[in-house]
């Protein structure tokens, strides 16, 4: 796979991978930061809205599967290697991408079959793959909308702080 192809995949799926890897941080009290701070669900939803609700639901489903680290690693690779429409992004080696994706899908299916012979977990993961793609698309739309309308928006200080929006963009509102 070319470096350009790898870059396309990483840019396309970085948030999805982050969402899977951060699933343990979604607690009953809110989002738990590595430093120990907690962002309450109320504030989390104020920032992310409907996307935040979907993120929390997705993270809860990931937690319920009780992936081990090897399974999480393979699932992340499946997310990263999903076949994509090449006409829009200039991906060069679609055949290798498809073959590698299929191989990692088989590996995950094999890993999960040891604890779920009826393949219910693998089927559920296929649904989670669709969910994480939907969340990633909604998140992209959310930020594209903000970027397109940044000069006409009044940005809440919490949002500005969380996403490090420059003070000049805040229409001279101080960031608390």
Foldseek 3Di string as FASTA:
>chain_A
DDPLLLVVLCVLCVVLLVLLVQLVQQDPQAGADPVGDGDGLVNQCVQVPPLSVLSSVLSVVSVVVVDDPVLSVLLSVLLSLPQDPCVVRVNDCRPVSVVVNVVSLVVNQVVVCVVPVVCPVSVVSVVSSVSSSVSSVVVVVVVVVCVVCQQVDQDDLSNCVVVVPDCVSNVNDDRD
